[in-house]
C-alpha atoms as a PDB file:
ATOM      1  CA  MET A   1      44.042 -40.627 -14.317  1.00  0.00           C
ATOM      2  CA  GLN A   2      41.901 -37.651 -13.304  1.00  0.00           C
ATOM      3  CA  LYS A   3      39.077 -39.954 -12.143  1.00  0.00           C
ATOM      4  CA  ILE A   4      41.467 -41.823  -9.857  1.00  0.00           C
ATOM      5  CA  ILE A   5      42.680 -38.587  -8.264  1.00  0.00           C
ATOM      6  CA  VAL A   6      39.102 -37.396  -7.710  1.00  0.00           C
ATOM      7  CA  ARG A   7      38.154 -40.737  -6.129  1.00  0.00           C
ATOM      8  CA  VAL A   8      41.180 -40.681  -3.831  1.00  0.00           C
ATOM      9  CA  VAL A   9      40.393 -37.123  -2.734  1.00  0.00           C
ATOM     10  CA  VAL A  10      36.729 -38.002  -2.102  1.00  0.00           C
ATOM     11  CA  VAL A  11      37.717 -41.074  -0.067  1.00  0.00           C
ATOM     12  CA  LEU A  12      40.175 -39.007   1.987  1.00  0.00           C
ATOM     13  CA  ILE A  13      37.544 -36.350   2.667  1.00  0.00           C
ATOM     14  CA  VAL A  14      35.033 -38.994   3.755  1.00  0.00           C
ATOM     15  CA  LEU A  15      37.625 -40.583   6.064  1.00  0.00           C
ATOM     16  CA  VAL A  16      38.454 -37.223   7.646  1.00  0.00           C
ATOM     17  CA  VAL A  17      34.761 -36.420   8.194  1.00  0.00           C
ATOM     18  CA  LEU A  18      34.069 -39.863   9.701  1.00  0.00           C
ATOM     19  CA  THR A  19      37.097 -39.622  11.998  1.00  0.00           C
ATOM     20  CA  ALA A  20      36.157 -36.116  13.142  1.00  0.00           C
ATOM     21  CA  SER A  21      32.569 -37.260  13.767  1.00  0.00           C
ATOM     22  CA  PHE A  22      33.768 -40.233  15.786  1.00  0.00           C
ATOM     23  CA  PHE A  23      35.919 -38.054  18.025  1.00  0.00           C
ATOM     24  CA  SER A  24      33.154 -35.458  18.391  1.00  0.00           C
ATOM     25  CA  PHE A  25      30.232 -37.696  19.276  1.00  0.00           C
ATOM     26  CA  MET A  26      31.707 -40.835  20.840  1.00  0.00           C
ATOM     27  CA  TYR A  27      33.147 -40.920  24.333  1.00  0.00           C
ATOM     28  CA  TYR A  28      35.973 -42.829  25.993  1.00  0.00           C
ATOM     29  CA  SER A  29      34.501 -43.307  29.463  1.00  0.00           C
ATOM     30  CA  GLU A  30      31.658 -42.271  31.727  1.00  0.00           C
ATOM     31  CA  GLY A  31      31.298 -42.034  35.469  1.00  0.00           C
ATOM     32  CA  GLU A  32      30.465 -39.966  38.521  1.00  0.00           C
ATOM     33  CA  ARG A  33      32.456 -37.614  40.734  1.00  0.00           C
ATOM     34  CA  VAL A  34      31.390 -36.199  44.083  1.00  0.00           C
ATOM     35  CA  GLY A  35      32.733 -33.044  45.655  1.00  0.00           C
ATOM     36  CA  SER A  36      32.142 -29.450  46.621  1.00  0.00           C
ATOM     37  CA  LEU A  37      31.599 -27.053  43.743  1.00  0.00           C
ATOM     38  CA  VAL A  38      34.258 -24.364  44.147  1.00  0.00           C
ATOM     39  CA  LYS A  39      34.286 -22.696  40.731  1.00  0.00           C
ATOM     40  CA  PHE A  40      31.852 -22.323  37.845  1.00  0.00           C
ATOM     41  CA  SER A  41      32.224 -19.669  35.174  1.00  0.00           C
ATOM     42  CA  ARG A  42      31.798 -18.880  31.503  1.00  0.00           C
ATOM     43  CA  LYS A  43      35.155 -18.202  29.914  1.00  0.00           C
ATOM     44  CA  GLY A  44      37.107 -18.068  26.665  1.00  0.00           C
ATOM     45  CA  TYR A  45      38.540 -15.489  24.305  1.00  0.00           C
ATOM     46  CA  VAL A  46      36.568 -16.337  21.167  1.00  0.00           C
ATOM     47  CA  PHE A  47      34.555 -19.432  22.081  1.00  0.00           C
ATOM     48  CA  LYS A  48      32.808 -18.935  25.439  1.00  0.00           C
ATOM     49  CA  THR A  49      32.247 -22.184  27.342  1.00  0.00           C
ATOM     50  CA  TRP A  50      31.055 -23.017  30.853  1.00  0.00           C
ATOM     51  CA  GLU A  51      33.907 -24.449  32.903  1.00  0.00           C
ATOM     52  CA  GLY A  52      33.822 -25.624  36.491  1.00  0.00           C
ATOM     53  CA  GLN A  53      35.832 -27.227  39.211  1.00  0.00           C
ATOM     54  CA  ILE A  54      34.968 -29.408  42.208  1.00  0.00           C
ATOM     55  CA  ASN A  55      37.081 -30.225  45.225  1.00  0.00           C
ATOM     56  CA  THR A  56      36.875 -33.977  45.724  1.00  0.00           C
ATOM     57  CA  GLY A  57      38.413 -33.725  49.213  1.00  0.00           C
ATOM     58  CA  VAL A  58      40.212 -37.044  49.388  1.00  0.00           C
ATOM     59  CA  SER A  59      41.658 -37.541  52.885  1.00  0.00           C
ATOM     60  CA  GLY A  60      45.408 -37.784  53.397  1.00  0.00           C
ATOM     61  CA  VAL A  61      47.560 -40.601  54.704  1.00  0.00           C
ATOM     62  CA  ASP A  62      46.652 -40.343  58.394  1.00  0.00           C
ATOM     63  CA  ALA A  63      43.184 -38.758  57.916  1.00  0.00           C
ATOM     64  CA  THR A  64      44.176 -35.706  59.998  1.00  0.00           C
ATOM     65  CA  GLN A  65      45.592 -33.863  57.003  1.00  0.00           C
ATOM     66  CA  PRO A  66      43.047 -33.402  54.234  1.00  0.00           C
ATOM     67  CA  LEU A  67      44.426 -33.572  50.716  1.00  0.00           C
ATOM     68  CA  SER A  68      42.546 -31.290  48.347  1.00  0.00           C
ATOM     69  CA  THR A  69      42.077 -32.615  44.817  1.00  0.00           C
ATOM     70  CA  ALA A  70      40.533 -30.315  42.220  1.00  0.00           C
ATOM     71  CA  TRP A  71      38.754 -31.805  39.204  1.00  0.00           C
ATOM     72  CA  SER A  72      37.861 -29.610  36.206  1.00  0.00           C
ATOM     73  CA  PHE A  73      34.952 -30.118  33.815  1.00  0.00           C
ATOM     74  CA  THR A  74      32.963 -28.537  30.968  1.00  0.00           C
ATOM     75  CA  VAL A  75      29.177 -28.076  30.709  1.00  0.00           C
ATOM     76  CA  VAL A  76      27.132 -27.511  27.541  1.00  0.00           C
ATOM     77  CA  ASP A  77      23.576 -28.455  28.639  1.00  0.00           C
ATOM     78  CA  ARG A  78      21.478 -25.418  29.717  1.00  0.00           C
ATOM     79  CA  ASP A  79      19.583 -27.317  32.449  1.00  0.00           C
ATOM     80  CA  VAL A  80      22.841 -28.515  33.992  1.00  0.00           C
ATOM     81  CA  ILE A  81      24.288 -24.997  33.804  1.00  0.00           C
ATOM     82  CA  GLU A  82      21.347 -23.595  35.778  1.00  0.00           C
ATOM     83  CA  LYS A  83      21.563 -26.339  38.426  1.00  0.00           C
ATOM     84  CA  LEU A  84      25.290 -25.758  38.868  1.00  0.00           C
ATOM     85  CA  ARG A  85      24.875 -21.982  39.127  1.00  0.00           C
ATOM     86  CA  GLU A  86      22.489 -22.547  42.041  1.00  0.00           C
ATOM     87  CA  ALA A  87      24.732 -25.178  43.684  1.00  0.00           C
ATOM     88  CA  GLU A  88      27.970 -23.202  44.033  1.00  0.00           C
ATOM     89  CA  GLY A  89      29.624 -24.001  47.369  1.00  0.00           C
ATOM     90  CA  LYS A  90      27.460 -27.107  47.900  1.00  0.00           C
ATOM     91  CA  LYS A  91      28.320 -30.775  47.596  1.00  0.00           C
ATOM     92  CA  VAL A  92      27.314 -32.217  44.210  1.00  0.00           C
ATOM     93  CA  LYS A  93      27.404 -35.524  42.347  1.00  0.00           C
ATOM     94  CA  LEU A  94      28.338 -35.017  38.701  1.00  0.00           C
ATOM     95  CA  HIS A  95      27.588 -37.595  36.013  1.00  0.00           C
ATOM     96  CA  TYR A  96      30.073 -37.157  33.161  1.00  0.00           C
ATOM     97  CA  VAL A  97      31.420 -38.555  29.914  1.00  0.00           C
ATOM     98  CA  GLU A  98      35.062 -38.296  28.868  1.00  0.00           C
ATOM     99  CA  LYS A  99      35.658 -37.503  25.201  1.00  0.00           C
ATOM    100  CA  TYR A 100      38.552 -38.872  23.150  1.00  0.00           C
ATOM    101  CA  PHE A 101      39.387 -35.455  21.761  1.00  0.00           C
ATOM    102  CA  VAL A 102      38.034 -31.947  22.297  1.00  0.00           C
ATOM    103  CA  TYR A 103      37.971 -29.263  19.646  1.00  0.00           C
ATOM    104  CA  VAL A 104      38.852 -25.720  20.695  1.00  0.00           C
ATOM    105  CA  TRP A 105      35.215 -24.529  20.484  1.00  0.00           C
ATOM    106  CA  GLN A 106      33.906 -27.344  22.742  1.00  0.00           C
ATOM    107  CA  GLY A 107      35.658 -26.440  25.986  1.00  0.00           C
ATOM    108  CA  ASP A 108      38.850 -26.647  28.027  1.00  0.00           C
ATOM    109  CA  THR A 109      38.512 -30.200  29.357  1.00  0.00           C
ATOM    110  CA  LYS A 110      37.669 -33.663  28.042  1.00  0.00           C
ATOM    111  CA  TYR A 111      35.070 -34.149  30.796  1.00  0.00           C
ATOM    112  CA  PHE A 112      31.508 -33.122  29.898  1.00  0.00           C
ATOM    113  CA  ILE A 113      28.801 -33.086  32.567  1.00  0.00           C
ATOM    114  CA  LYS A 114      25.529 -34.777  31.573  1.00  0.00           C
ATOM    115  CA  SER A 115      23.586 -34.399  34.837  1.00  0.00           C
ATOM    116  CA  VAL A 116      24.033 -33.111  38.353  1.00  0.00           C
ATOM    117  CA  GLU A 117      22.610 -33.978  41.794  1.00  0.00           C
ATOM    118  CA  VAL A 118      22.857 -31.518  44.661  1.00  0.00           C
ATOM    119  CA  LEU A 119      23.626 -33.555  47.795  1.00  0.00           C
ATOM    120  CA  ASN A 120      23.265 -30.907  50.517  1.00  0.00           C
END
């Protein structure tokens, strides 16, 4: 009986570790967003992460009234962090992946920036 309990516990632990690994390393989608970088800062109470925001600037219904759309993201790559710190206020193209789930120490958003292009 004790062997069965130990096996069940080991199987459950392995399933939890595999599920957590899947959600940590796999991503749901990937894509690009273009906009003006309006905010980029390191924040957090215990776990400090780099968080940013771009204004995608989608035009309104009659194109005379601009509709501002903010999009938030998280950055973990040091090279990308440096590029974004230099690009504040400029138009950028961000290449991102969207995670299934984000742990509290990974950042505030599900969108993680993999590379950045400064457009102007």
